[in-house]
Amino acid sequence: MHELSLADAIVSALLKMQQEEGWGEVKEVRLRVGALRQVFPEMLSFAFETVTKETSLAGAALVIEEVPLVWRCLDCGSEWKEDSGVCPSCGSFRREALAGTELEIHSVEVGVS
């Protein structure tokens, strides 16, 4: 379950930011997680709740925004959202991911200390 290690890394980063910035209570944490990260939101939420117990982040809400996969063809420039490896416009297999690889803390709602 890599969600536990992800939650641990997120919590470590948040605790460091909380200390450095002098945040009060952390009320809500918003994450953006891309489809290619293969993260189960329910499992990540459970892991986050478990890892934050007995820390200053206990009780903080975790909101996960799932980012769908978006491709761009390297030959014709078309963009598409399907999980297909083939460009629907020209049939090329050459593509790059524009979205769907994210794993980031998007925002944190905090109280003033």
PDB file of N, CA and C in Angstrom:
ATOM      1  N   MET A   1       0.855  -1.180   0.000  1.00  0.00           N
ATOM      2  CA  MET A   1       0.000   0.000   0.000  1.00  0.00           C
ATOM      3  C   MET A   1       0.896   1.238   0.000  1.00  0.00           C
ATOM      4  N   HIS A   2       1.136   1.787  -1.178  1.00  0.00           N
ATOM      5  CA  HIS A   2       2.007   2.958  -1.247  1.00  0.00           C
ATOM      6  C   HIS A   2       1.314   4.225  -0.755  1.00  0.00           C
ATOM      7  N   GLU A   3       0.011   4.158  -0.541  1.00  0.00           N
ATOM      8  CA  GLU A   3      -0.700   5.316   0.004  1.00  0.00           C
ATOM      9  C   GLU A   3      -0.190   5.696   1.387  1.00  0.00           C
ATOM     10  N   LEU A   4       0.218   4.710   2.174  1.00  0.00           N
ATOM     11  CA  LEU A   4       0.740   4.998   3.512  1.00  0.00           C
ATOM     12  C   LEU A   4       2.050   5.778   3.426  1.00  0.00           C
ATOM     13  N   SER A   5       2.942   5.375   2.528  1.00  0.00           N
ATOM     14  CA  SER A   5       4.202   6.120   2.390  1.00  0.00           C
ATOM     15  C   SER A   5       3.955   7.505   1.804  1.00  0.00           C
ATOM     16  N   LEU A   6       2.980   7.636   0.905  1.00  0.00           N
ATOM     17  CA  LEU A   6       2.622   8.954   0.381  1.00  0.00           C
ATOM     18  C   LEU A   6       2.086   9.853   1.489  1.00  0.00           C
ATOM     19  N   ALA A   7       1.176   9.305   2.291  1.00  0.00           N
ATOM     20  CA  ALA A   7       0.611  10.082   3.401  1.00  0.00           C
ATOM     21  C   ALA A   7       1.702  10.509   4.367  1.00  0.00           C
ATOM     22  N   ASP A   8       2.633   9.617   4.645  1.00  0.00           N
ATOM     23  CA  ASP A   8       3.732   9.942   5.559  1.00  0.00           C
ATOM     24  C   ASP A   8       4.585  11.084   5.005  1.00  0.00           C
ATOM     25  N   ALA A   9       4.877  11.042   3.704  1.00  0.00           N
ATOM     26  CA  ALA A   9       5.680  12.109   3.082  1.00  0.00           C
ATOM     27  C   ALA A   9       4.921  13.433   3.084  1.00  0.00           C
ATOM     28  N   ILE A  10       3.621  13.397   2.808  1.00  0.00           N
ATOM     29  CA  ILE A  10       2.796  14.607   2.798  1.00  0.00           C
ATOM     30  C   ILE A  10       2.742  15.215   4.199  1.00  0.00           C
ATOM     31  N   VAL A  11       2.525  14.381   5.194  1.00  0.00           N
ATOM     32  CA  VAL A  11       2.448  14.856   6.574  1.00  0.00           C
ATOM     33  C   VAL A  11       3.795  15.432   7.015  1.00  0.00           C
ATOM     34  N   SER A  12       4.881  14.786   6.662  1.00  0.00           N
ATOM     35  CA  SER A  12       6.206  15.320   7.007  1.00  0.00           C
ATOM     36  C   SER A  12       6.412  16.707   6.405  1.00  0.00           C
ATOM     37  N   ALA A  13       6.032  16.859   5.137  1.00  0.00           N
ATOM     38  CA  ALA A  13       6.166  18.164   4.471  1.00  0.00           C
ATOM     39  C   ALA A  13       5.289  19.210   5.145  1.00  0.00           C
ATOM     40  N   LEU A  14       4.067  18.826   5.488  1.00  0.00           N
ATOM     41  CA  LEU A  14       3.147  19.768   6.130  1.00  0.00           C
ATOM     42  C   LEU A  14       3.640  20.175   7.517  1.00  0.00           C
ATOM     43  N   LEU A  15       4.133  19.225   8.288  1.00  0.00           N
ATOM     44  CA  LEU A  15       4.638  19.550   9.623  1.00  0.00           C
ATOM     45  C   LEU A  15       5.835  20.494   9.542  1.00  0.00           C
ATOM     46  N   LYS A  16       6.689  20.273   8.552  1.00  0.00           N
ATOM     47  CA  LYS A  16       7.840  21.160   8.366  1.00  0.00           C
ATOM     48  C   LYS A  16       7.373  22.565   7.991  1.00  0.00           C
ATOM     49  N   MET A  17       6.406  22.653   7.054  1.00  0.00           N
ATOM     50  CA  MET A  17       5.875  23.965   6.659  1.00  0.00           C
ATOM     51  C   MET A  17       5.187  24.648   7.835  1.00  0.00           C
ATOM     52  N   GLN A  18       4.443  23.880   8.616  1.00  0.00           N
ATOM     53  CA  GLN A  18       3.739  24.433   9.773  1.00  0.00           C
ATOM     54  C   GLN A  18       4.726  25.057  10.750  1.00  0.00           C
ATOM     55  N   GLN A  19       5.828  24.370  10.993  1.00  0.00           N
ATOM     56  CA  GLN A  19       6.843  24.879  11.918  1.00  0.00           C
ATOM     57  C   GLN A  19       7.538  26.112  11.342  1.00  0.00           C
ATOM     58  N   GLU A  20       7.941  26.035  10.069  1.00  0.00           N
ATOM     59  CA  GLU A  20       8.672  27.139   9.452  1.00  0.00           C
ATOM     60  C   GLU A  20       7.824  28.405   9.294  1.00  0.00           C
ATOM     61  N   GLU A  21       6.549  28.218   8.983  1.00  0.00           N
ATOM     62  CA  GLU A  21       5.673  29.358   8.721  1.00  0.00           C
ATOM     63  C   GLU A  21       4.904  29.832   9.950  1.00  0.00           C
ATOM     64  N   GLY A  22       4.959  29.083  11.024  1.00  0.00           N
ATOM     65  CA  GLY A  22       4.258  29.476  12.236  1.00  0.00           C
ATOM     66  C   GLY A  22       2.751  29.342  12.144  1.00  0.00           C
ATOM     67  N   TRP A  23       2.309  28.343  11.359  1.00  0.00           N
ATOM     68  CA  TRP A  23       0.862  28.135  11.226  1.00  0.00           C
ATOM     69  C   TRP A  23       0.256  27.699  12.546  1.00  0.00           C
ATOM     70  N   GLY A  24      -0.996  28.058  12.726  1.00  0.00           N
ATOM     71  CA  GLY A  24      -1.788  27.522  13.824  1.00  0.00           C
ATOM     72  C   GLY A  24      -2.361  26.192  13.378  1.00  0.00           C
ATOM     73  N   GLU A  25      -3.582  25.963  13.737  1.00  0.00           N
ATOM     74  CA  GLU A  25      -4.271  24.715  13.388  1.00  0.00           C
ATOM     75  C   GLU A  25      -4.405  24.570  11.868  1.00  0.00           C
ATOM     76  N   VAL A  26      -4.112  23.384  11.368  1.00  0.00           N
ATOM     77  CA  VAL A  26      -4.345  23.076   9.957  1.00  0.00           C
ATOM     78  C   VAL A  26      -5.750  22.508   9.862  1.00  0.00           C
ATOM     79  N   LYS A  27      -6.594  23.210   9.110  1.00  0.00           N
ATOM     80  CA  LYS A  27      -7.993  22.813   9.004  1.00  0.00           C
ATOM     81  C   LYS A  27      -8.268  21.914   7.810  1.00  0.00           C
ATOM     82  N   GLU A  28      -7.615  22.228   6.677  1.00  0.00           N
ATOM     83  CA  GLU A  28      -7.889  21.466   5.463  1.00  0.00           C
ATOM     84  C   GLU A  28      -6.647  21.428   4.584  1.00  0.00           C
ATOM     85  N   VAL A  29      -6.422  20.272   3.969  1.00  0.00           N
ATOM     86  CA  VAL A  29      -5.324  20.085   3.031  1.00  0.00           C
ATOM     87  C   VAL A  29      -5.934  19.616   1.715  1.00  0.00           C
ATOM     88  N   ARG A  30      -5.606  20.330   0.626  1.00  0.00           N
ATOM     89  CA  ARG A  30      -6.091  19.948  -0.702  1.00  0.00           C
ATOM     90  C   ARG A  30      -4.937  19.414  -1.531  1.00  0.00           C
ATOM     91  N   LEU A  31      -5.132  18.209  -2.040  1.00  0.00           N
ATOM     92  CA  LEU A  31      -4.143  17.567  -2.897  1.00  0.00           C
ATOM     93  C   LEU A  31      -4.672  17.460  -4.317  1.00  0.00           C
ATOM     94  N   ARG A  32      -3.774  17.493  -5.289  1.00  0.00           N
ATOM     95  CA  ARG A  32      -4.089  17.187  -6.688  1.00  0.00           C
ATOM     96  C   ARG A  32      -3.317  15.917  -7.014  1.00  0.00           C
ATOM     97  N   VAL A  33      -4.057  14.874  -7.424  1.00  0.00           N
ATOM     98  CA  VAL A  33      -3.455  13.579  -7.698  1.00  0.00           C
ATOM     99  C   VAL A  33      -3.848  13.135  -9.100  1.00  0.00           C
ATOM    100  N   GLY A  34      -2.860  12.945  -9.954  1.00  0.00           N
ATOM    101  CA  GLY A  34      -3.090  12.538 -11.329  1.00  0.00           C
ATOM    102  C   GLY A  34      -3.427  11.060 -11.460  1.00  0.00           C
ATOM    103  N   ALA A  35      -4.166  10.748 -12.519  1.00  0.00           N
ATOM    104  CA  ALA A  35      -4.612   9.377 -12.777  1.00  0.00           C
ATOM    105  C   ALA A  35      -3.439   8.403 -12.912  1.00  0.00           C
ATOM    106  N   LEU A  36      -2.324   8.842 -13.460  1.00  0.00           N
ATOM    107  CA  LEU A  36      -1.173   7.950 -13.640  1.00  0.00           C
ATOM    108  C   LEU A  36      -0.475   7.608 -12.327  1.00  0.00           C
ATOM    109  N   ARG A  37      -0.796   8.302 -11.258  1.00  0.00           N
ATOM    110  CA  ARG A  37      -0.181   8.016  -9.953  1.00  0.00           C
ATOM    111  C   ARG A  37      -0.738   6.749  -9.321  1.00  0.00           C
ATOM    112  N   GLN A  38      -1.850   6.257  -9.826  1.00  0.00           N
ATOM    113  CA  GLN A  38      -2.480   5.030  -9.334  1.00  0.00           C
ATOM    114  C   GLN A  38      -2.682   5.054  -7.822  1.00  0.00           C
ATOM    115  N   VAL A  39      -3.282   6.140  -7.360  1.00  0.00           N
ATOM    116  CA  VAL A  39      -3.569   6.314  -5.937  1.00  0.00           C
ATOM    117  C   VAL A  39      -5.061   6.100  -5.717  1.00  0.00           C
ATOM    118  N   PHE A  40      -5.403   5.326  -4.701  1.00  0.00           N
ATOM    119  CA  PHE A  40      -6.792   5.139  -4.324  1.00  0.00           C
ATOM    120  C   PHE A  40      -7.134   6.213  -3.290  1.00  0.00           C
ATOM    121  N   PRO A  41      -7.996   7.179  -3.645  1.00  0.00           N
ATOM    122  CA  PRO A  41      -8.292   8.288  -2.720  1.00  0.00           C
ATOM    123  C   PRO A  41      -8.762   7.840  -1.341  1.00  0.00           C
ATOM    124  N   GLU A  42      -9.602   6.813  -1.281  1.00  0.00           N
ATOM    125  CA  GLU A  42     -10.107   6.358   0.024  1.00  0.00           C
ATOM    126  C   GLU A  42      -8.974   5.830   0.890  1.00  0.00           C
ATOM    127  N   MET A  43      -8.050   5.100   0.260  1.00  0.00           N
ATOM    128  CA  MET A  43      -6.919   4.556   1.015  1.00  0.00           C
ATOM    129  C   MET A  43      -5.964   5.660   1.457  1.00  0.00           C
ATOM    130  N   LEU A  44      -5.765   6.661   0.599  1.00  0.00           N
ATOM    131  CA  LEU A  44      -4.902   7.778   0.971  1.00  0.00           C
ATOM    132  C   LEU A  44      -5.523   8.577   2.113  1.00  0.00           C
ATOM    133  N   SER A  45      -6.833   8.782   2.066  1.00  0.00           N
ATOM    134  CA  SER A  45      -7.521   9.491   3.151  1.00  0.00           C
ATOM    135  C   SER A  45      -7.383   8.743   4.476  1.00  0.00           C
ATOM    136  N   PHE A  46      -7.563   7.430   4.423  1.00  0.00           N
ATOM    137  CA  PHE A  46      -7.416   6.616   5.635  1.00  0.00           C
ATOM    138  C   PHE A  46      -5.986   6.692   6.159  1.00  0.00           C
ATOM    139  N   ALA A  47      -5.012   6.581   5.252  1.00  0.00           N
ATOM    140  CA  ALA A  47      -3.605   6.642   5.655  1.00  0.00           C
ATOM    141  C   ALA A  47      -3.276   8.010   6.247  1.00  0.00           C
ATOM    142  N   PHE A  48      -3.801   9.087   5.647  1.00  0.00           N
ATOM    143  CA  PHE A  48      -3.569  10.438   6.154  1.00  0.00           C
ATOM    144  C   PHE A  48      -4.114  10.569   7.574  1.00  0.00           C
ATOM    145  N   GLU A  49      -5.327  10.083   7.780  1.00  0.00           N
ATOM    146  CA  GLU A  49      -5.942  10.150   9.111  1.00  0.00           C
ATOM    147  C   GLU A  49      -5.112   9.367  10.126  1.00  0.00           C
ATOM    148  N   THR A  50      -4.611   8.222   9.723  1.00  0.00           N
ATOM    149  CA  THR A  50      -3.803   7.378  10.609  1.00  0.00           C
ATOM    150  C   THR A  50      -2.476   8.043  10.950  1.00  0.00           C
ATOM    151  N   VAL A  51      -1.802   8.588   9.943  1.00  0.00           N
ATOM    152  CA  VAL A  51      -0.479   9.187  10.142  1.00  0.00           C
ATOM    153  C   VAL A  51      -0.559  10.482  10.951  1.00  0.00           C
ATOM    154  N   THR A  52      -1.666  11.213  10.830  1.00  0.00           N
ATOM    155  CA  THR A  52      -1.774  12.496  11.535  1.00  0.00           C
ATOM    156  C   THR A  52      -2.209  12.355  12.992  1.00  0.00           C
ATOM    157  N   LYS A  53      -2.660  11.175  13.385  1.00  0.00           N
ATOM    158  CA  LYS A  53      -3.061  10.990  14.787  1.00  0.00           C
ATOM    159  C   LYS A  53      -1.911  11.376  15.702  1.00  0.00           C
ATOM    160  N   GLU A  54      -2.226  12.057  16.757  1.00  0.00           N
ATOM    161  CA  GLU A  54      -1.255  12.487  17.764  1.00  0.00           C
ATOM    162  C   GLU A  54      -0.185  13.422  17.188  1.00  0.00           C
ATOM    163  N   THR A  55      -0.552  14.156  16.123  1.00  0.00           N
ATOM    164  CA  THR A  55       0.306  15.229  15.618  1.00  0.00           C
ATOM    165  C   THR A  55      -0.523  16.503  15.641  1.00  0.00           C
ATOM    166  N   SER A  56       0.106  17.609  15.334  1.00  0.00           N
ATOM    167  CA  SER A  56      -0.629  18.876  15.286  1.00  0.00           C
ATOM    168  C   SER A  56      -1.563  18.948  14.076  1.00  0.00           C
ATOM    169  N   LEU A  57      -1.495  17.954  13.192  1.00  0.00           N
ATOM    170  CA  LEU A  57      -2.390  17.912  12.027  1.00  0.00           C
ATOM    171  C   LEU A  57      -3.638  17.072  12.272  1.00  0.00           C
ATOM    172  N   ALA A  58      -3.743  16.472  13.437  1.00  0.00           N
ATOM    173  CA  ALA A  58      -4.894  15.615  13.748  1.00  0.00           C
ATOM    174  C   ALA A  58      -6.194  16.388  13.537  1.00  0.00           C
ATOM    175  N   GLY A  59      -7.121  15.781  12.858  1.00  0.00           N
ATOM    176  CA  GLY A  59      -8.426  16.400  12.611  1.00  0.00           C
ATOM    177  C   GLY A  59      -8.492  17.230  11.344  1.00  0.00           C
ATOM    178  N   ALA A  60      -7.369  17.426  10.679  1.00  0.00           N
ATOM    179  CA  ALA A  60      -7.390  18.190   9.422  1.00  0.00           C
ATOM    180  C   ALA A  60      -8.112  17.380   8.346  1.00  0.00           C
ATOM    181  N   ALA A  61      -8.940  18.062   7.580  1.00  0.00           N
ATOM    182  CA  ALA A  61      -9.649  17.407   6.482  1.00  0.00           C
ATOM    183  C   ALA A  61      -8.714  17.279   5.284  1.00  0.00           C
ATOM    184  N   LEU A  62      -8.793  16.148   4.602  1.00  0.00           N
ATOM    185  CA  LEU A  62      -8.021  15.934   3.390  1.00  0.00           C
ATOM    186  C   LEU A  62      -8.984  15.906   2.216  1.00  0.00           C
ATOM    187  N   VAL A  63      -8.767  16.803   1.266  1.00  0.00           N
ATOM    188  CA  VAL A  63      -9.593  16.865   0.058  1.00  0.00           C
ATOM    189  C   VAL A  63      -8.702  16.491  -1.122  1.00  0.00           C
ATOM    190  N   ILE A  64      -9.122  15.492  -1.874  1.00  0.00           N
ATOM    191  CA  ILE A  64      -8.309  15.002  -2.984  1.00  0.00           C
ATOM    192  C   ILE A  64      -9.017  15.306  -4.296  1.00  0.00           C
ATOM    193  N   GLU A  65      -8.334  16.064  -5.145  1.00  0.00           N
ATOM    194  CA  GLU A  65      -8.832  16.340  -6.492  1.00  0.00           C
ATOM    195  C   GLU A  65      -8.142  15.368  -7.435  1.00  0.00           C
ATOM    196  N   GLU A  66      -8.929  14.536  -8.090  1.00  0.00           N
ATOM    197  CA  GLU A  66      -8.368  13.588  -9.041  1.00  0.00           C
ATOM    198  C   GLU A  66      -8.227  14.281 -10.399  1.00  0.00           C
ATOM    199  N   VAL A  67      -7.028  14.266 -10.948  1.00  0.00           N
ATOM    200  CA  VAL A  67      -6.732  14.933 -12.214  1.00  0.00           C
ATOM    201  C   VAL A  67      -6.729  13.885 -13.326  1.00  0.00           C
ATOM    202  N   PRO A  68      -7.623  14.033 -14.309  1.00  0.00           N
ATOM    203  CA  PRO A  68      -7.680  13.042 -15.388  1.00  0.00           C
ATOM    204  C   PRO A  68      -6.471  13.135 -16.320  1.00  0.00           C
ATOM    205  N   LEU A  69      -6.272  12.085 -17.059  1.00  0.00           N
ATOM    206  CA  LEU A  69      -5.179  11.989 -18.004  1.00  0.00           C
ATOM    207  C   LEU A  69      -5.475  12.803 -19.259  1.00  0.00           C
ATOM    208  N   VAL A  70      -4.528  13.639 -19.675  1.00  0.00           N
ATOM    209  CA  VAL A  70      -4.648  14.402 -20.922  1.00  0.00           C
ATOM    210  C   VAL A  70      -3.342  14.215 -21.695  1.00  0.00           C
ATOM    211  N   TRP A  71      -3.469  13.817 -22.948  1.00  0.00           N
ATOM    212  CA  TRP A  71      -2.313  13.591 -23.818  1.00  0.00           C
ATOM    213  C   TRP A  71      -2.225  14.650 -24.904  1.00  0.00           C
ATOM    214  N   ARG A  72      -1.009  14.868 -25.435  1.00  0.00           N
ATOM    215  CA  ARG A  72      -0.810  15.692 -26.626  1.00  0.00           C
ATOM    216  C   ARG A  72       0.042  14.880 -27.599  1.00  0.00           C
ATOM    217  N   CYS A  73      -0.401  14.855 -28.838  1.00  0.00           N
ATOM    218  CA  CYS A  73       0.331  14.156 -29.886  1.00  0.00           C
ATOM    219  C   CYS A  73       1.577  14.960 -30.244  1.00  0.00           C
ATOM    220  N   LEU A  74       2.718  14.297 -30.307  1.00  0.00           N
ATOM    221  CA  LEU A  74       3.969  14.961 -30.645  1.00  0.00           C
ATOM    222  C   LEU A  74       4.122  15.160 -32.153  1.00  0.00           C
ATOM    223  N   ASP A  75       3.226  14.549 -32.930  1.00  0.00           N
ATOM    224  CA  ASP A  75       3.285  14.714 -34.379  1.00  0.00           C
ATOM    225  C   ASP A  75       2.333  15.787 -34.886  1.00  0.00           C
ATOM    226  N   CYS A  76       1.059  15.744 -34.453  1.00  0.00           N
ATOM    227  CA  CYS A  76       0.085  16.703 -34.994  1.00  0.00           C
ATOM    228  C   CYS A  76      -0.374  17.748 -33.979  1.00  0.00           C
ATOM    229  N   GLY A  77      -0.038  17.572 -32.692  1.00  0.00           N
ATOM    230  CA  GLY A  77      -0.407  18.551 -31.674  1.00  0.00           C
ATOM    231  C   GLY A  77      -1.793  18.387 -31.083  1.00  0.00           C
ATOM    232  N   SER A  78      -2.547  17.397 -31.525  1.00  0.00           N
ATOM    233  CA  SER A  78      -3.890  17.176 -30.971  1.00  0.00           C
ATOM    234  C   SER A  78      -3.810  16.793 -29.502  1.00  0.00           C
ATOM    235  N   GLU A  79      -4.855  17.142 -28.762  1.00  0.00           N
ATOM    236  CA  GLU A  79      -4.964  16.757 -27.357  1.00  0.00           C
ATOM    237  C   GLU A  79      -6.187  15.890 -27.171  1.00  0.00           C
ATOM    238  N   TRP A  80      -6.075  14.883 -26.305  1.00  0.00           N
ATOM    239  CA  TRP A  80      -7.218  14.020 -26.024  1.00  0.00           C
ATOM    240  C   TRP A  80      -7.139  13.509 -24.597  1.00  0.00           C
ATOM    241  N   LYS A  81      -8.295  13.065 -24.086  1.00  0.00           N
ATOM    242  CA  LYS A  81      -8.396  12.642 -22.691  1.00  0.00           C
ATOM    243  C   LYS A  81      -8.515  11.135 -22.507  1.00  0.00           C
ATOM    244  N   GLU A  82      -8.738  10.398 -23.563  1.00  0.00           N
ATOM    245  CA  GLU A  82      -8.891   8.959 -23.415  1.00  0.00           C
ATOM    246  C   GLU A  82      -7.589   8.328 -22.950  1.00  0.00           C
ATOM    247  N   ASP A  83      -7.709   7.129 -22.436  1.00  0.00           N
ATOM    248  CA  ASP A  83      -6.537   6.388 -21.991  1.00  0.00           C
ATOM    249  C   ASP A  83      -5.875   5.659 -23.159  1.00  0.00           C
ATOM    250  N   SER A  84      -6.253   6.027 -24.360  1.00  0.00           N
ATOM    251  CA  SER A  84      -5.714   5.398 -25.558  1.00  0.00           C
ATOM    252  C   SER A  84      -4.290   5.878 -25.804  1.00  0.00           C
ATOM    253  N   GLY A  85      -3.453   4.966 -26.276  1.00  0.00           N
ATOM    254  CA  GLY A  85      -2.090   5.329 -26.595  1.00  0.00           C
ATOM    255  C   GLY A  85      -1.928   5.858 -28.005  1.00  0.00           C
ATOM    256  N   VAL A  86      -3.015   5.898 -28.749  1.00  0.00           N
ATOM    257  CA  VAL A  86      -2.959   6.305 -30.154  1.00  0.00           C
ATOM    258  C   VAL A  86      -3.700   7.626 -30.338  1.00  0.00           C
ATOM    259  N   CYS A  87      -3.072   8.554 -31.055  1.00  0.00           N
ATOM    260  CA  CYS A  87      -3.706   9.839 -31.335  1.00  0.00           C
ATOM    261  C   CYS A  87      -4.967   9.616 -32.160  1.00  0.00           C
ATOM    262  N   PRO A  88      -6.102  10.136 -31.707  1.00  0.00           N
ATOM    263  CA  PRO A  88      -7.346   9.954 -32.450  1.00  0.00           C
ATOM    264  C   PRO A  88      -7.385  10.752 -33.762  1.00  0.00           C
ATOM    265  N   SER A  89      -6.493  11.719 -33.898  1.00  0.00           N
ATOM    266  CA  SER A  89      -6.492  12.537 -35.114  1.00  0.00           C
ATOM    267  C   SER A  89      -5.610  11.975 -36.222  1.00  0.00           C
ATOM    268  N   CYS A  90      -4.392  11.534 -35.850  1.00  0.00           N
ATOM    269  CA  CYS A  90      -3.455  11.098 -36.901  1.00  0.00           C
ATOM    270  C   CYS A  90      -2.975   9.664 -36.751  1.00  0.00           C
ATOM    271  N   GLY A  91      -3.310   8.999 -35.638  1.00  0.00           N
ATOM    272  CA  GLY A  91      -2.912   7.608 -35.445  1.00  0.00           C
ATOM    273  C   GLY A  91      -1.497   7.421 -34.908  1.00  0.00           C
ATOM    274  N   SER A  92      -0.813   8.486 -34.570  1.00  0.00           N
ATOM    275  CA  SER A  92       0.548   8.401 -34.062  1.00  0.00           C
ATOM    276  C   SER A  92       0.574   7.814 -32.653  1.00  0.00           C
ATOM    277  N   PHE A  93       1.668   7.124 -32.358  1.00  0.00           N
ATOM    278  CA  PHE A  93       1.893   6.610 -31.006  1.00  0.00           C
ATOM    279  C   PHE A  93       2.773   7.553 -30.188  1.00  0.00           C
ATOM    280  N   ARG A  94       3.285   8.594 -30.815  1.00  0.00           N
ATOM    281  CA  ARG A  94       4.171   9.544 -30.120  1.00  0.00           C
ATOM    282  C   ARG A  94       3.317  10.558 -29.377  1.00  0.00           C
ATOM    283  N   ARG A  95       3.431  10.547 -28.063  1.00  0.00           N
ATOM    284  CA  ARG A  95       2.589  11.426 -27.235  1.00  0.00           C
ATOM    285  C   ARG A  95       3.332  11.828 -25.985  1.00  0.00           C
ATOM    286  N   GLU A  96       2.795  12.888 -25.328  1.00  0.00           N
ATOM    287  CA  GLU A  96       3.296  13.300 -24.018  1.00  0.00           C
ATOM    288  C   GLU A  96       2.104  13.573 -23.121  1.00  0.00           C
ATOM    289  N   ALA A  97       2.277  13.325 -21.830  1.00  0.00           N
ATOM    290  CA  ALA A  97       1.221  13.580 -20.850  1.00  0.00           C
ATOM    291  C   ALA A  97       1.236  15.058 -20.482  1.00  0.00           C
ATOM    292  N   LEU A  98       0.090  15.721 -20.661  1.00  0.00           N
ATOM    293  CA  LEU A  98      -0.056  17.120 -20.243  1.00  0.00           C
ATOM    294  C   LEU A  98      -0.603  17.217 -18.823  1.00  0.00           C
ATOM    295  N   ALA A  99      -1.416  16.245 -18.449  1.00  0.00           N
ATOM    296  CA  ALA A  99      -2.015  16.207 -17.111  1.00  0.00           C
ATOM    297  C   ALA A  99      -2.218  14.744 -16.740  1.00  0.00           C
ATOM    298  N   GLY A 100      -2.217  14.491 -15.460  1.00  0.00           N
ATOM    299  CA  GLY A 100      -2.449  13.146 -14.981  1.00  0.00           C
ATOM    300  C   GLY A 100      -1.259  12.557 -14.241  1.00  0.00           C
ATOM    301  N   THR A 101      -0.173  13.329 -14.147  1.00  0.00           N
ATOM    302  CA  THR A 101       1.007  12.857 -13.420  1.00  0.00           C
ATOM    303  C   THR A 101       1.198  13.606 -12.097  1.00  0.00           C
ATOM    304  N   GLU A 102       0.295  14.523 -11.782  1.00  0.00           N
ATOM    305  CA  GLU A 102       0.439  15.375 -10.598  1.00  0.00           C
ATOM    306  C   GLU A 102       0.373  14.569  -9.293  1.00  0.00           C
ATOM    307  N   LEU A 103       1.099  15.035  -8.336  1.00  0.00           N
ATOM    308  CA  LEU A 103       0.974  14.623  -6.946  1.00  0.00           C
ATOM    309  C   LEU A 103       1.498  15.799  -6.148  1.00  0.00           C
ATOM    310  N   GLU A 104       0.575  16.692  -5.777  1.00  0.00           N
ATOM    311  CA  GLU A 104       1.013  17.943  -5.161  1.00  0.00           C
ATOM    312  C   GLU A 104       0.037  18.430  -4.106  1.00  0.00           C
ATOM    313  N   ILE A 105       0.606  19.113  -3.133  1.00  0.00           N
ATOM    314  CA  ILE A 105      -0.228  19.821  -2.158  1.00  0.00           C
ATOM    315  C   ILE A 105      -0.677  21.094  -2.866  1.00  0.00           C
ATOM    316  N   HIS A 106      -1.960  21.208  -3.121  1.00  0.00           N
ATOM    317  CA  HIS A 106      -2.487  22.350  -3.861  1.00  0.00           C
ATOM    318  C   HIS A 106      -2.702  23.547  -2.943  1.00  0.00           C
ATOM    319  N   SER A 107      -3.272  23.304  -1.765  1.00  0.00           N
ATOM    320  CA  SER A 107      -3.492  24.398  -0.819  1.00  0.00           C
ATOM    321  C   SER A 107      -3.678  23.834   0.594  1.00  0.00           C
ATOM    322  N   VAL A 108      -3.465  24.716   1.553  1.00  0.00           N
ATOM    323  CA  VAL A 108      -3.618  24.355   2.959  1.00  0.00           C
ATOM    324  C   VAL A 108      -4.376  25.486   3.633  1.00  0.00           C
ATOM    325  N   GLU A 109      -5.458  25.154   4.304  1.00  0.00           N
ATOM    326  CA  GLU A 109      -6.204  26.144   5.082  1.00  0.00           C
ATOM    327  C   GLU A 109      -5.768  26.033   6.537  1.00  0.00           C
ATOM    328  N   VAL A 110      -5.285  27.166   7.067  1.00  0.00           N
ATOM    329  CA  VAL A 110      -4.753  27.143   8.423  1.00  0.00           C
ATOM    330  C   VAL A 110      -5.370  28.252   9.255  1.00  0.00           C
ATOM    331  N   GLY A 111      -5.298  28.047  10.567  1.00  0.00           N
ATOM    332  CA  GLY A 111      -5.678  29.099  11.493  1.00  0.00           C
ATOM    333  C   GLY A 111      -4.445  29.896  11.867  1.00  0.00           C
ATOM    334  N   VAL A 112      -4.627  31.025  12.429  1.00  0.00           N
ATOM    335  CA  VAL A 112      -3.507  31.875  12.831  1.00  0.00           C
ATOM    336  C   VAL A 112      -3.103  31.482  14.239  1.00  0.00           C
ATOM    337  N   SER A 113      -1.792  31.351  14.436  1.00  0.00           N
ATOM    338  CA  SER A 113      -1.325  30.970  15.778  1.00  0.00           C
ATOM    339  C   SER A 113      -1.100  32.189  16.642  1.00  0.00           C
TER     340      SER A 113
END
